[in-house]
Amino acid sequence: MTPSIKSWRTTATGVLAIVIGIATAAKCELDGDPATVADWGIVATAILAGIGLIMARDAGISSEASGIK
């Protein structure tokens, strides 16, 4: 199943979830303070949630419009 451009809201939210998760981890790892370490469990959760949102369709999009029926 490929994401549809018709579901741009969930796709954009999914991309943002992934970017924010990775950016937060990068900030923790690259800040120069050895005491701050990224929580990789949270990063993995953000990435998986983002993938789920990218694959989802918007509530306002009918099954016919998305090509399911």
N, C-alpha and C. Protein backbone atom coordinates (compact mmCIF):
# COMPACT_ATOMS: atom_id res chain seq x y z
N MET A 1 0.85 -1.18 0.00
CA MET A 1 0.00 0.00 0.00
C MET A 1 0.89 1.24 0.00
N THR A 2 0.71 2.06 -0.97
CA THR A 2 1.50 3.28 -1.05
C THR A 2 0.66 4.45 -0.56
N PRO A 3 1.30 5.41 0.11
CA PRO A 3 0.54 6.57 0.59
C PRO A 3 0.02 7.40 -0.56
N SER A 4 -1.13 7.98 -0.34
CA SER A 4 -1.76 8.80 -1.38
C SER A 4 -1.55 10.27 -1.07
N ILE A 5 -1.38 11.07 -2.10
CA ILE A 5 -1.23 12.51 -1.91
C ILE A 5 -2.53 13.09 -1.37
N LYS A 6 -3.65 12.37 -1.53
CA LYS A 6 -4.92 12.83 -1.00
C LYS A 6 -4.93 12.81 0.52
N SER A 7 -4.05 12.04 1.13
CA SER A 7 -3.95 11.96 2.58
C SER A 7 -2.77 12.79 3.08
N TRP A 8 -2.69 14.01 2.63
CA TRP A 8 -1.51 14.84 2.93
C TRP A 8 -1.41 15.18 4.41
N ARG A 9 -2.52 15.25 5.12
CA ARG A 9 -2.46 15.62 6.54
C ARG A 9 -1.74 14.55 7.37
N THR A 10 -2.13 13.30 7.18
CA THR A 10 -1.48 12.23 7.94
C THR A 10 -0.06 12.00 7.46
N THR A 11 0.18 12.16 6.16
CA THR A 11 1.53 12.00 5.64
C THR A 11 2.46 13.07 6.21
N ALA A 12 2.01 14.31 6.23
CA ALA A 12 2.83 15.40 6.78
C ALA A 12 3.09 15.19 8.27
N THR A 13 2.07 14.75 8.99
CA THR A 13 2.24 14.50 10.42
C THR A 13 3.23 13.36 10.66
N GLY A 14 3.16 12.33 9.84
CA GLY A 14 4.10 11.21 9.96
C GLY A 14 5.53 11.62 9.69
N VAL A 15 5.73 12.42 8.65
CA VAL A 15 7.08 12.90 8.33
C VAL A 15 7.61 13.77 9.47
N LEU A 16 6.75 14.62 10.02
CA LEU A 16 7.18 15.47 11.14
C LEU A 16 7.54 14.64 12.36
N ALA A 17 6.79 13.58 12.65
CA ALA A 17 7.10 12.71 13.79
C ALA A 17 8.49 12.09 13.63
N ILE A 18 8.80 11.63 12.43
CA ILE A 18 10.10 11.02 12.17
C ILE A 18 11.22 12.06 12.29
N VAL A 19 11.03 13.22 11.69
CA VAL A 19 12.06 14.26 11.71
C VAL A 19 12.31 14.74 13.15
N ILE A 20 11.25 14.95 13.91
CA ILE A 20 11.41 15.42 15.29
C ILE A 20 12.10 14.36 16.14
N GLY A 21 11.74 13.10 15.96
CA GLY A 21 12.39 12.03 16.72
C GLY A 21 13.88 11.95 16.44
N ILE A 22 14.25 12.01 15.17
CA ILE A 22 15.67 11.95 14.80
C ILE A 22 16.40 13.21 15.23
N ALA A 23 15.79 14.38 15.06
CA ALA A 23 16.44 15.63 15.45
C ALA A 23 16.68 15.70 16.95
N THR A 24 15.72 15.22 17.73
CA THR A 24 15.90 15.22 19.19
C THR A 24 17.05 14.32 19.60
N ALA A 25 17.15 13.14 18.98
CA ALA A 25 18.26 12.23 19.29
C ALA A 25 19.59 12.84 18.87
N ALA A 26 19.62 13.46 17.69
CA ALA A 26 20.86 14.08 17.23
C ALA A 26 21.29 15.20 18.15
N LYS A 27 20.33 15.99 18.62
CA LYS A 27 20.66 17.09 19.55
C LYS A 27 21.28 16.54 20.83
N CYS A 28 20.71 15.47 21.35
CA CYS A 28 21.24 14.87 22.59
C CYS A 28 22.64 14.30 22.38
N GLU A 29 22.86 13.66 21.25
CA GLU A 29 24.15 13.02 21.00
C GLU A 29 25.25 14.01 20.62
N LEU A 30 24.87 15.12 20.01
CA LEU A 30 25.87 16.04 19.47
C LEU A 30 26.03 17.33 20.28
N ASP A 31 25.45 17.41 21.46
CA ASP A 31 25.52 18.66 22.22
C ASP A 31 26.83 18.85 22.98
N GLY A 32 27.70 17.87 22.97
CA GLY A 32 29.00 18.00 23.61
C GLY A 32 28.99 17.65 25.09
N ASP A 33 27.84 17.36 25.65
CA ASP A 33 27.73 16.99 27.06
C ASP A 33 27.58 15.48 27.15
N PRO A 34 28.58 14.79 27.74
CA PRO A 34 28.49 13.33 27.81
C PRO A 34 27.37 12.83 28.72
N ALA A 35 26.79 13.70 29.52
CA ALA A 35 25.72 13.29 30.43
C ALA A 35 24.38 13.15 29.70
N THR A 36 24.22 13.81 28.57
CA THR A 36 22.96 13.69 27.83
C THR A 36 23.09 12.61 26.77
N VAL A 37 22.19 11.65 26.82
CA VAL A 37 22.19 10.53 25.89
C VAL A 37 20.78 10.39 25.34
N ALA A 38 20.68 10.11 24.06
CA ALA A 38 19.37 9.95 23.43
C ALA A 38 18.68 8.70 23.97
N ASP A 39 17.37 8.79 24.12
CA ASP A 39 16.56 7.63 24.50
C ASP A 39 16.13 6.96 23.20
N TRP A 40 16.84 5.91 22.81
CA TRP A 40 16.62 5.29 21.51
C TRP A 40 15.29 4.57 21.44
N GLY A 41 14.71 4.19 22.57
CA GLY A 41 13.38 3.60 22.58
C GLY A 41 12.34 4.60 22.12
N ILE A 42 12.47 5.83 22.59
CA ILE A 42 11.53 6.88 22.18
C ILE A 42 11.74 7.24 20.71
N VAL A 43 12.98 7.24 20.25
CA VAL A 43 13.26 7.53 18.85
C VAL A 43 12.63 6.44 17.96
N ALA A 44 12.79 5.19 18.34
CA ALA A 44 12.19 4.10 17.57
C ALA A 44 10.67 4.20 17.55
N THR A 45 10.08 4.57 18.68
CA THR A 45 8.64 4.75 18.76
C THR A 45 8.18 5.87 17.83
N ALA A 46 8.90 6.98 17.82
CA ALA A 46 8.55 8.10 16.94
C ALA A 46 8.64 7.70 15.48
N ILE A 47 9.66 6.95 15.12
CA ILE A 47 9.82 6.51 13.73
C ILE A 47 8.70 5.56 13.33
N LEU A 48 8.38 4.59 14.19
CA LEU A 48 7.30 3.66 13.89
C LEU A 48 5.95 4.36 13.81
N ALA A 49 5.71 5.31 14.70
CA ALA A 49 4.46 6.08 14.64
C ALA A 49 4.40 6.89 13.36
N GLY A 50 5.51 7.47 12.96
CA GLY A 50 5.56 8.23 11.72
C GLY A 50 5.27 7.37 10.51
N ILE A 51 5.81 6.17 10.48
CA ILE A 51 5.55 5.25 9.38
C ILE A 51 4.06 4.89 9.34
N GLY A 52 3.48 4.64 10.52
CA GLY A 52 2.06 4.34 10.58
C GLY A 52 1.21 5.48 10.07
N LEU A 53 1.58 6.69 10.42
CA LEU A 53 0.83 7.85 9.94
C LEU A 53 0.99 8.05 8.43
N ILE A 54 2.16 7.79 7.92
CA ILE A 54 2.38 7.92 6.48
C ILE A 54 1.51 6.92 5.72
N MET A 55 1.37 5.72 6.26
CA MET A 55 0.58 4.69 5.59
C MET A 55 -0.93 4.86 5.79
N ALA A 56 -1.35 5.68 6.74
CA ALA A 56 -2.77 5.87 7.03
C ALA A 56 -3.40 6.81 6.02
N ARG A 57 -4.74 6.84 6.03
CA ARG A 57 -5.44 7.80 5.18
C ARG A 57 -6.24 8.73 6.07
N ASP A 58 -6.46 9.94 5.58
CA ASP A 58 -7.20 10.95 6.34
C ASP A 58 -8.64 10.52 6.55
N ALA A 59 -9.23 10.96 7.65
CA ALA A 59 -10.62 10.64 7.95
C ALA A 59 -11.56 11.27 6.93
N GLY A 60 -11.18 12.38 6.35
CA GLY A 60 -12.02 13.08 5.39
C GLY A 60 -11.98 12.50 3.99
N ILE A 61 -11.18 11.48 3.76
CA ILE A 61 -11.04 10.87 2.44
C ILE A 61 -11.88 9.61 2.39
N SER A 62 -12.77 9.52 1.45
CA SER A 62 -13.64 8.34 1.35
C SER A 62 -12.83 7.17 0.78
N SER A 63 -13.38 5.96 0.97
CA SER A 63 -12.72 4.76 0.43
C SER A 63 -12.65 4.82 -1.08
N GLU A 64 -13.69 5.35 -1.72
CA GLU A 64 -13.70 5.46 -3.17
C GLU A 64 -12.62 6.42 -3.65
N ALA A 65 -12.50 7.57 -2.97
CA ALA A 65 -11.52 8.58 -3.38
C ALA A 65 -10.08 8.07 -3.20
N SER A 66 -9.87 7.22 -2.19
CA SER A 66 -8.51 6.73 -1.96
C SER A 66 -8.20 5.50 -2.80
N GLY A 67 -9.21 4.98 -3.51
CA GLY A 67 -8.96 3.85 -4.40
C GLY A 67 -9.10 2.50 -3.73
N ILE A 68 -9.65 2.45 -2.51
CA ILE A 68 -9.81 1.17 -1.82
C ILE A 68 -11.00 0.41 -2.37
N LYS A 69 -12.09 1.10 -2.64
CA LYS A 69 -13.30 0.45 -3.17
C LYS A 69 -13.46 0.77 -4.64
